[in-house]
PDB file of all heavy atoms in Angstrom:
ATOM      1  N   VAL A   1      17.603  -8.260  32.421  1.00  0.00           N
ATOM      2  CA  VAL A   1      17.826  -9.615  32.920  1.00  0.00           C
ATOM      3  C   VAL A   1      18.698 -10.338  31.893  1.00  0.00           C
ATOM      4  O   VAL A   1      18.331 -10.423  30.718  1.00  0.00           O
ATOM      5  CB  VAL A   1      16.509 -10.391  33.130  1.00  0.00           C
ATOM      6  CG1 VAL A   1      16.802 -11.826  33.546  1.00  0.00           C
ATOM      7  CG2 VAL A   1      15.631  -9.710  34.159  1.00  0.00           C
ATOM      8  N   GLU A   2      19.846 -10.830  32.344  1.00  0.00           N
ATOM      9  CA  GLU A   2      20.689 -11.648  31.468  1.00  0.00           C
ATOM     10  C   GLU A   2      20.230 -13.098  31.571  1.00  0.00           C
ATOM     11  O   GLU A   2      20.191 -13.670  32.668  1.00  0.00           O
ATOM     12  CB  GLU A   2      22.159 -11.541  31.880  1.00  0.00           C
ATOM     13  CG  GLU A   2      22.778 -10.193  31.571  1.00  0.00           C
ATOM     14  CD  GLU A   2      24.222 -10.099  32.024  1.00  0.00           C
ATOM     15  OE1 GLU A   2      24.537 -10.545  33.155  1.00  0.00           O
ATOM     16  OE2 GLU A   2      25.043  -9.572  31.260  1.00  0.00           O
ATOM     17  N   VAL A   3      19.840 -13.683  30.445  1.00  0.00           N
ATOM     18  CA  VAL A   3      19.445 -15.095  30.381  1.00  0.00           C
ATOM     19  C   VAL A   3      20.642 -15.850  29.799  1.00  0.00           C
ATOM     20  O   VAL A   3      21.018 -15.628  28.650  1.00  0.00           O
ATOM     21  CB  VAL A   3      18.192 -15.284  29.500  1.00  0.00           C
ATOM     22  CG1 VAL A   3      17.786 -16.760  29.473  1.00  0.00           C
ATOM     23  CG2 VAL A   3      17.047 -14.414  30.006  1.00  0.00           C
ATOM     24  N   ILE A   4      21.241 -16.719  30.618  1.00  0.00           N
ATOM     25  CA  ILE A   4      22.549 -17.270  30.268  1.00  0.00           C
ATOM     26  C   ILE A   4      22.459 -18.752  29.939  1.00  0.00           C
ATOM     27  O   ILE A   4      21.907 -19.552  30.703  1.00  0.00           O
ATOM     28  CB  ILE A   4      23.554 -17.041  31.424  1.00  0.00           C
ATOM     29  CG1 ILE A   4      23.656 -15.546  31.743  1.00  0.00           C
ATOM     30  CG2 ILE A   4      24.914 -17.596  31.071  1.00  0.00           C
ATOM     31  CD1 ILE A   4      23.346 -15.213  33.162  1.00  0.00           C
ATOM     32  N   ARG A   5      23.030 -19.085  28.811  1.00  0.00           N
ATOM     33  CA  ARG A   5      23.018 -20.462  28.309  1.00  0.00           C
ATOM     34  C   ARG A   5      24.318 -21.165  28.716  1.00  0.00           C
ATOM     35  O   ARG A   5      25.415 -20.712  28.372  1.00  0.00           O
ATOM     36  CB  ARG A   5      22.900 -20.450  26.787  1.00  0.00           C
ATOM     37  CG  ARG A   5      22.843 -21.832  26.130  1.00  0.00           C
ATOM     38  CD  ARG A   5      23.008 -21.738  24.628  1.00  0.00           C
ATOM     39  NE  ARG A   5      21.958 -20.939  24.012  1.00  0.00           N
ATOM     40  CZ  ARG A   5      20.765 -21.420  23.651  1.00  0.00           C
ATOM     41  NH1 ARG A   5      20.467 -22.685  23.864  1.00  0.00           N
ATOM     42  NH2 ARG A   5      19.876 -20.626  23.076  1.00  0.00           N
ATOM     43  N   GLY A   6      24.192 -22.272  29.460  1.00  0.00           N
ATOM     44  CA  GLY A   6      25.342 -23.125  29.718  1.00  0.00           C
ATOM     45  C   GLY A   6      25.597 -24.024  28.519  1.00  0.00           C
ATOM     46  O   GLY A   6      24.827 -24.033  27.553  1.00  0.00           O
ATOM     47  N   LEU A   7      26.661 -24.782  28.586  1.00  0.00           N
ATOM     48  CA  LEU A   7      27.041 -25.629  27.448  1.00  0.00           C
ATOM     49  C   LEU A   7      25.934 -26.595  27.055  1.00  0.00           C
ATOM     50  O   LEU A   7      25.729 -26.871  25.868  1.00  0.00           O
ATOM     51  CB  LEU A   7      28.318 -26.410  27.791  1.00  0.00           C
ATOM     52  CG  LEU A   7      28.895 -27.269  26.666  1.00  0.00           C
ATOM     53  CD1 LEU A   7      29.344 -26.389  25.502  1.00  0.00           C
ATOM     54  CD2 LEU A   7      30.077 -28.098  27.183  1.00  0.00           C
ATOM     55  N   GLU A   8      25.161 -27.086  28.041  1.00  0.00           N
ATOM     56  CA  GLU A   8      24.143 -28.092  27.748  1.00  0.00           C
ATOM     57  C   GLU A   8      22.716 -27.593  27.966  1.00  0.00           C
ATOM     58  O   GLU A   8      21.775 -28.391  27.918  1.00  0.00           O
ATOM     59  CB  GLU A   8      24.398 -29.342  28.604  1.00  0.00           C
ATOM     60  CG  GLU A   8      25.753 -29.985  28.315  1.00  0.00           C
ATOM     61  CD  GLU A   8      25.951 -31.297  29.048  1.00  0.00           C
ATOM     62  OE1 GLU A   8      25.249 -32.270  28.705  1.00  0.00           O
ATOM     63  OE2 GLU A   8      26.802 -31.339  29.956  1.00  0.00           O
ATOM     64  N   THR A   9      22.535 -26.315  28.194  1.00  0.00           N
ATOM     65  CA  THR A   9      21.190 -25.777  28.430  1.00  0.00           C
ATOM     66  C   THR A   9      20.291 -25.992  27.212  1.00  0.00           C
ATOM     67  O   THR A   9      20.685 -25.686  26.082  1.00  0.00           O
ATOM     68  CB  THR A   9      21.248 -24.270  28.752  1.00  0.00           C
ATOM     69  OG1 THR A   9      22.147 -24.068  29.838  1.00  0.00           O
ATOM     70  CG2 THR A   9      19.872 -23.742  29.125  1.00  0.00           C
ATOM     71  N   ALA A  10      19.096 -26.498  27.443  1.00  0.00           N
ATOM     72  CA  ALA A  10      18.145 -26.746  26.350  1.00  0.00           C
ATOM     73  C   ALA A  10      17.581 -25.428  25.820  1.00  0.00           C
ATOM     74  O   ALA A  10      17.380 -24.465  26.578  1.00  0.00           O
ATOM     75  CB  ALA A  10      17.011 -27.636  26.844  1.00  0.00           C
ATOM     76  N   ASP A  11      17.302 -25.391  24.529  1.00  0.00           N
ATOM     77  CA  ASP A  11      16.731 -24.195  23.901  1.00  0.00           C
ATOM     78  C   ASP A  11      15.411 -23.796  24.554  1.00  0.00           C
ATOM     79  O   ASP A  11      15.127 -22.605  24.729  1.00  0.00           O
ATOM     80  CB  ASP A  11      16.494 -24.444  22.404  1.00  0.00           C
ATOM     81  CG  ASP A  11      17.789 -24.515  21.604  1.00  0.00           C
ATOM     82  OD1 ASP A  11      18.835 -24.082  22.136  1.00  0.00           O
ATOM     83  OD2 ASP A  11      17.746 -25.005  20.467  1.00  0.00           O
ATOM     84  N   VAL A  12      14.604 -24.789  24.927  1.00  0.00           N
ATOM     85  CA  VAL A  12      13.297 -24.496  25.503  1.00  0.00           C
ATOM     86  C   VAL A  12      13.441 -23.764  26.835  1.00  0.00           C
ATOM     87  O   VAL A  12      12.603 -22.936  27.193  1.00  0.00           O
ATOM     88  CB  VAL A  12      12.461 -25.785  25.669  1.00  0.00           C
ATOM     89  CG1 VAL A  12      13.070 -26.714  26.712  1.00  0.00           C
ATOM     90  CG2 VAL A  12      11.021 -25.452  26.027  1.00  0.00           C
ATOM     91  N   VAL A  13      14.508 -24.029  27.559  1.00  0.00           N
ATOM     92  CA  VAL A  13      14.753 -23.332  28.829  1.00  0.00           C
ATOM     93  C   VAL A  13      15.031 -21.859  28.564  1.00  0.00           C
ATOM     94  O   VAL A  13      14.485 -20.974  29.227  1.00  0.00           O
ATOM     95  CB  VAL A  13      15.925 -23.993  29.586  1.00  0.00           C
ATOM     96  CG1 VAL A  13      16.347 -23.150  30.782  1.00  0.00           C
ATOM     97  CG2 VAL A  13      15.538 -25.396  30.030  1.00  0.00           C
ATOM     98  N   ILE A  14      15.887 -21.582  27.587  1.00  0.00           N
ATOM     99  CA  ILE A  14      16.214 -20.191  27.242  1.00  0.00           C
ATOM    100  C   ILE A  14      14.969 -19.462  26.759  1.00  0.00           C
ATOM    101  O   ILE A  14      14.689 -18.328  27.180  1.00  0.00           O
ATOM    102  CB  ILE A  14      17.319 -20.146  26.171  1.00  0.00           C
ATOM    103  CG1 ILE A  14      18.607 -20.787  26.700  1.00  0.00           C
ATOM    104  CG2 ILE A  14      17.573 -18.717  25.714  1.00  0.00           C
ATOM    105  CD1 ILE A  14      19.199 -20.105  27.917  1.00  0.00           C
ATOM    106  N   ASP A  15      14.201 -20.109  25.889  1.00  0.00           N
ATOM    107  CA  ASP A  15      12.983 -19.481  25.356  1.00  0.00           C
ATOM    108  C   ASP A  15      11.977 -19.194  26.470  1.00  0.00           C
ATOM    109  O   ASP A  15      11.338 -18.138  26.491  1.00  0.00           O
ATOM    110  CB  ASP A  15      12.345 -20.383  24.299  1.00  0.00           C
ATOM    111  CG  ASP A  15      13.198 -20.524  23.042  1.00  0.00           C
ATOM    112  OD1 ASP A  15      14.093 -19.672  22.841  1.00  0.00           O
ATOM    113  OD2 ASP A  15      12.985 -21.480  22.277  1.00  0.00           O
ATOM    114  N   THR A  16      11.846 -20.137  27.388  1.00  0.00           N
ATOM    115  CA  THR A  16      10.885 -19.973  28.490  1.00  0.00           C
ATOM    116  C   THR A  16      11.306 -18.847  29.422  1.00  0.00           C
ATOM    117  O   THR A  16      10.480 -18.019  29.834  1.00  0.00           O
ATOM    118  CB  THR A  16      10.751 -21.285  29.278  1.00  0.00           C
ATOM    119  OG1 THR A  16      10.298 -22.316  28.390  1.00  0.00           O
ATOM    120  CG2 THR A  16       9.765 -21.138  30.427  1.00  0.00           C
ATOM    121  N   LEU A  17      12.588 -18.775  29.754  1.00  0.00           N
ATOM    122  CA  LEU A  17      13.072 -17.726  30.658  1.00  0.00           C
ATOM    123  C   LEU A  17      13.026 -16.348  29.997  1.00  0.00           C
ATOM    124  O   LEU A  17      12.742 -15.349  30.666  1.00  0.00           O
ATOM    125  CB  LEU A  17      14.487 -18.055  31.132  1.00  0.00           C
ATOM    126  CG  LEU A  17      14.608 -19.289  32.040  1.00  0.00           C
ATOM    127  CD1 LEU A  17      16.064 -19.535  32.423  1.00  0.00           C
ATOM    128  CD2 LEU A  17      13.747 -19.145  33.286  1.00  0.00           C
ATOM    129  N   LYS A  18      13.261 -16.298  28.711  1.00  0.00           N
ATOM    130  CA  LYS A  18      13.137 -15.028  28.002  1.00  0.00           C
ATOM    131  C   LYS A  18      11.690 -14.541  28.046  1.00  0.00           C
ATOM    132  O   LYS A  18      11.418 -13.361  28.330  1.00  0.00           O
ATOM    133  CB  LYS A  18      13.602 -15.171  26.551  1.00  0.00           C
ATOM    134  CG  LYS A  18      13.472 -13.879  25.743  1.00  0.00           C
ATOM    135  CD  LYS A  18      13.943 -14.057  24.313  1.00  0.00           C
ATOM    136  CE  LYS A  18      13.783 -12.757  23.527  1.00  0.00           C
ATOM    137  NZ  LYS A  18      14.251 -12.901  22.117  1.00  0.00           N
ATOM    138  N   ALA A  19      10.757 -15.449  27.766  1.00  0.00           N
ATOM    139  CA  ALA A  19       9.334 -15.088  27.806  1.00  0.00           C
ATOM    140  C   ALA A  19       8.925 -14.663  29.211  1.00  0.00           C
ATOM    141  O   ALA A  19       8.145 -13.721  29.394  1.00  0.00           O
ATOM    142  CB  ALA A  19       8.484 -16.267  27.329  1.00  0.00           C
ATOM    143  N   LEU A  20       9.461 -15.343  30.218  1.00  0.00           N
ATOM    144  CA  LEU A  20       9.150 -14.992  31.596  1.00  0.00           C
ATOM    145  C   LEU A  20       9.650 -13.581  31.923  1.00  0.00           C
ATOM    146  O   LEU A  20       8.922 -12.775  32.518  1.00  0.00           O
ATOM    147  CB  LEU A  20       9.786 -16.000  32.550  1.00  0.00           C
ATOM    148  CG  LEU A  20       9.510 -15.784  34.039  1.00  0.00           C
ATOM    149  CD1 LEU A  20       8.044 -16.058  34.354  1.00  0.00           C
ATOM    150  CD2 LEU A  20      10.419 -16.665  34.896  1.00  0.00           C
ATOM    151  N   ALA A  21      10.875 -13.276  31.521  1.00  0.00           N
ATOM    152  CA  ALA A  21      11.432 -11.945  31.773  1.00  0.00           C
ATOM    153  C   ALA A  21      10.596 -10.870  31.095  1.00  0.00           C
ATOM    154  O   ALA A  21      10.352  -9.799  31.670  1.00  0.00           O
ATOM    155  CB  ALA A  21      12.882 -11.887  31.297  1.00  0.00           C
ATOM    156  N   LEU A  22      10.128 -11.141  29.897  1.00  0.00           N
ATOM    157  CA  LEU A  22       9.261 -10.179  29.198  1.00  0.00           C
ATOM    158  C   LEU A  22       7.954  -9.984  29.954  1.00  0.00           C
ATOM    159  O   LEU A  22       7.437  -8.868  30.042  1.00  0.00           O
ATOM    160  CB  LEU A  22       8.991 -10.657  27.771  1.00  0.00           C
ATOM    161  CG  LEU A  22      10.165 -10.554  26.787  1.00  0.00           C
ATOM    162  CD1 LEU A  22       9.844 -11.289  25.497  1.00  0.00           C
ATOM    163  CD2 LEU A  22      10.490  -9.083  26.492  1.00  0.00           C
ATOM    164  N   SER A  23       7.425 -11.076  30.530  1.00  0.00           N
ATOM    165  CA  SER A  23       6.182 -10.959  31.302  1.00  0.00           C
ATOM    166  C   SER A  23       6.392 -10.161  32.579  1.00  0.00           C
ATOM    167  O   SER A  23       5.442  -9.622  33.148  1.00  0.00           O
ATOM    168  CB  SER A  23       5.632 -12.352  31.644  1.00  0.00           C
ATOM    169  OG  SER A  23       6.388 -12.971  32.675  1.00  0.00           O
ATOM    170  N   PHE A  24       7.650 -10.064  33.044  1.00  0.00           N
ATOM    171  CA  PHE A  24       7.997  -9.239  34.198  1.00  0.00           C
ATOM    172  C   PHE A  24       8.219  -7.777  33.797  1.00  0.00           C
ATOM    173  O   PHE A  24       8.601  -6.949  34.619  1.00  0.00           O
ATOM    174  CB  PHE A  24       9.282  -9.746  34.857  1.00  0.00           C
ATOM    175  CG  PHE A  24       9.171 -11.071  35.554  1.00  0.00           C
ATOM    176  CD1 PHE A  24      10.319 -11.789  35.892  1.00  0.00           C
ATOM    177  CD2 PHE A  24       7.936 -11.621  35.889  1.00  0.00           C
ATOM    178  CE1 PHE A  24      10.242 -13.005  36.548  1.00  0.00           C
ATOM    179  CE2 PHE A  24       7.853 -12.844  36.542  1.00  0.00           C
ATOM    180  CZ  PHE A  24       9.012 -13.532  36.867  1.00  0.00           C
ATOM    181  N   ASN A  25       8.023  -7.479  32.507  1.00  0.00           N
ATOM    182  CA  ASN A  25       8.289  -6.138  31.966  1.00  0.00           C
ATOM    183  C   ASN A  25       9.771  -5.795  32.050  1.00  0.00           C
ATOM    184  O   ASN A  25      10.151  -4.640  32.285  1.00  0.00           O
ATOM    185  CB  ASN A  25       7.458  -5.072  32.668  1.00  0.00           C
ATOM    186  CG  ASN A  25       7.401  -3.766  31.889  1.00  0.00           C
ATOM    187  OD1 ASN A  25       7.473  -3.762  30.659  1.00  0.00           O
ATOM    188  ND2 ASN A  25       7.285  -2.649  32.589  1.00  0.00           N
ATOM    189  N   LYS A  26      10.606  -6.811  31.851  1.00  0.00           N
ATOM    190  CA  LYS A  26      12.052  -6.626  31.835  1.00  0.00           C
ATOM    191  C   LYS A  26      12.576  -6.669  30.400  1.00  0.00           C
ATOM    192  O   LYS A  26      11.850  -7.013  29.473  1.00  0.00           O
ATOM    193  CB  LYS A  26      12.748  -7.716  32.661  1.00  0.00           C
ATOM    194  CG  LYS A  26      12.325  -7.778  34.118  1.00  0.00           C
ATOM    195  CD  LYS A  26      12.747  -6.543  34.900  1.00  0.00           C
ATOM    196  CE  LYS A  26      12.456  -6.676  36.376  1.00  0.00           C
ATOM    197  NZ  LYS A  26      12.813  -5.449  37.141  1.00  0.00           N
ATOM    198  N   VAL A  27      13.836  -6.317  30.234  1.00  0.00           N
ATOM    199  CA  VAL A  27      14.507  -6.421  28.943  1.00  0.00           C
ATOM    200  C   VAL A  27      15.465  -7.608  29.024  1.00  0.00           C
ATOM    201  O   VAL A  27      16.536  -7.508  29.636  1.00  0.00           O
ATOM    202  CB  VAL A  27      15.288  -5.138  28.609  1.00  0.00           C
ATOM    203  CG1 VAL A  27      16.054  -5.304  27.297  1.00  0.00           C
ATOM    204  CG2 VAL A  27      14.354  -3.938  28.533  1.00  0.00           C
ATOM    205  N   PRO A  28      15.094  -8.770  28.454  1.00  0.00           N
ATOM    206  CA  PRO A  28      15.987  -9.926  28.517  1.00  0.00           C
ATOM    207  C   PRO A  28      17.027  -9.891  27.400  1.00  0.00           C
ATOM    208  O   PRO A  28      16.736  -9.487  26.269  1.00  0.00           O
ATOM    209  CB  PRO A  28      15.031 -11.110  28.325  1.00  0.00           C
ATOM    210  CG  PRO A  28      13.918 -10.559  27.487  1.00  0.00           C
ATOM    211  CD  PRO A  28      13.796  -9.093  27.824  1.00  0.00           C
ATOM    212  N   VAL A  29      18.239 -10.274  27.729  1.00  0.00           N
ATOM    213  CA  VAL A  29      19.283 -10.452  26.716  1.00  0.00           C
ATOM    214  C   VAL A  29      19.831 -11.866  26.877  1.00  0.00           C
ATOM    215  O   VAL A  29      19.949 -12.370  27.985  1.00  0.00           O
ATOM    216  CB  VAL A  29      20.408  -9.410  26.850  1.00  0.00           C
ATOM    217  CG1 VAL A  29      19.887  -8.018  26.548  1.00  0.00           C
ATOM    218  CG2 VAL A  29      21.066  -9.435  28.238  1.00  0.00           C
ATOM    219  N   ILE A  30      20.137 -12.495  25.761  1.00  0.00           N
ATOM    220  CA  ILE A  30      20.593 -13.885  25.771  1.00  0.00           C
ATOM    221  C   ILE A  30      22.099 -13.912  25.558  1.00  0.00           C
ATOM    222  O   ILE A  30      22.614 -13.255  24.648  1.00  0.00           O
ATOM    223  CB  ILE A  30      19.909 -14.702  24.651  1.00  0.00           C
ATOM    224  CG1 ILE A  30      18.396 -14.464  24.640  1.00  0.00           C
ATOM    225  CG2 ILE A  30      20.243 -16.188  24.798  1.00  0.00           C
ATOM    226  CD1 ILE A  30      17.685 -14.830  25.907  1.00  0.00           C
ATOM    227  N   CYS A  31      22.802 -14.680  26.393  1.00  0.00           N
ATOM    228  CA  CYS A  31      24.231 -14.824  26.161  1.00  0.00           C
ATOM    229  C   CYS A  31      24.703 -16.200  26.587  1.00  0.00           C
ATOM    230  O   CYS A  31      24.049 -16.890  27.371  1.00  0.00           O
ATOM    231  CB  CYS A  31      25.026 -13.750  26.906  1.00  0.00           C
ATOM    232  SG  CYS A  31      25.026 -13.894  28.698  1.00  0.00           S
ATOM    233  N   ARG A  32      25.824 -16.595  26.017  1.00  0.00           N
ATOM    234  CA  ARG A  32      26.455 -17.844  26.427  1.00  0.00           C
ATOM    235  C   ARG A  32      27.197 -17.615  27.741  1.00  0.00           C
ATOM    236  O   ARG A  32      27.644 -16.501  28.034  1.00  0.00           O
ATOM    237  CB  ARG A  32      27.445 -18.323  25.361  1.00  0.00           C
ATOM    238  CG  ARG A  32      26.797 -18.904  24.126  1.00  0.00           C
ATOM    239  CD  ARG A  32      27.796 -19.742  23.328  1.00  0.00           C
ATOM    240  NE  ARG A  32      28.870 -18.946  22.735  1.00  0.00           N
ATOM    241  CZ  ARG A  32      30.131 -18.996  23.135  1.00  0.00           C
ATOM    242  NH1 ARG A  32      30.496 -19.760  24.161  1.00  0.00           N
ATOM    243  NH2 ARG A  32      31.043 -18.270  22.541  1.00  0.00           N
ATOM    244  N   SER A  33      27.351 -18.667  28.518  1.00  0.00           N
ATOM    245  CA  SER A  33      28.078 -18.566  29.779  1.00  0.00           C
ATOM    246  C   SER A  33      29.542 -18.266  29.498  1.00  0.00           C
ATOM    247  O   SER A  33      30.238 -19.020  28.814  1.00  0.00           O
ATOM    248  CB  SER A  33      27.958 -19.878  30.569  1.00  0.00           C
ATOM    249  OG  SER A  33      28.553 -19.741  31.832  1.00  0.00           O
ATOM    250  N   THR A  34      29.985 -17.127  29.987  1.00  0.00           N
ATOM    251  CA  THR A  34      31.356 -16.667  29.799  1.00  0.00           C
ATOM    252  C   THR A  34      31.680 -15.780  30.991  1.00  0.00           C
ATOM    253  O   THR A  34      30.761 -15.223  31.603  1.00  0.00           O
ATOM    254  CB  THR A  34      31.481 -15.884  28.468  1.00  0.00           C
ATOM    255  OG1 THR A  34      32.849 -15.547  28.238  1.00  0.00           O
ATOM    256  CG2 THR A  34      30.659 -14.604  28.502  1.00  0.00           C
TER     257      THR A  34
END
């Protein structure tokens, strides 16, 4: 699961979605919107 940060995305949103993906037994990766 790619967790993608927009220019104004809050850190807590990224952290929450990463934790959610892990709870789904997925491999989350964090990247900037590009």
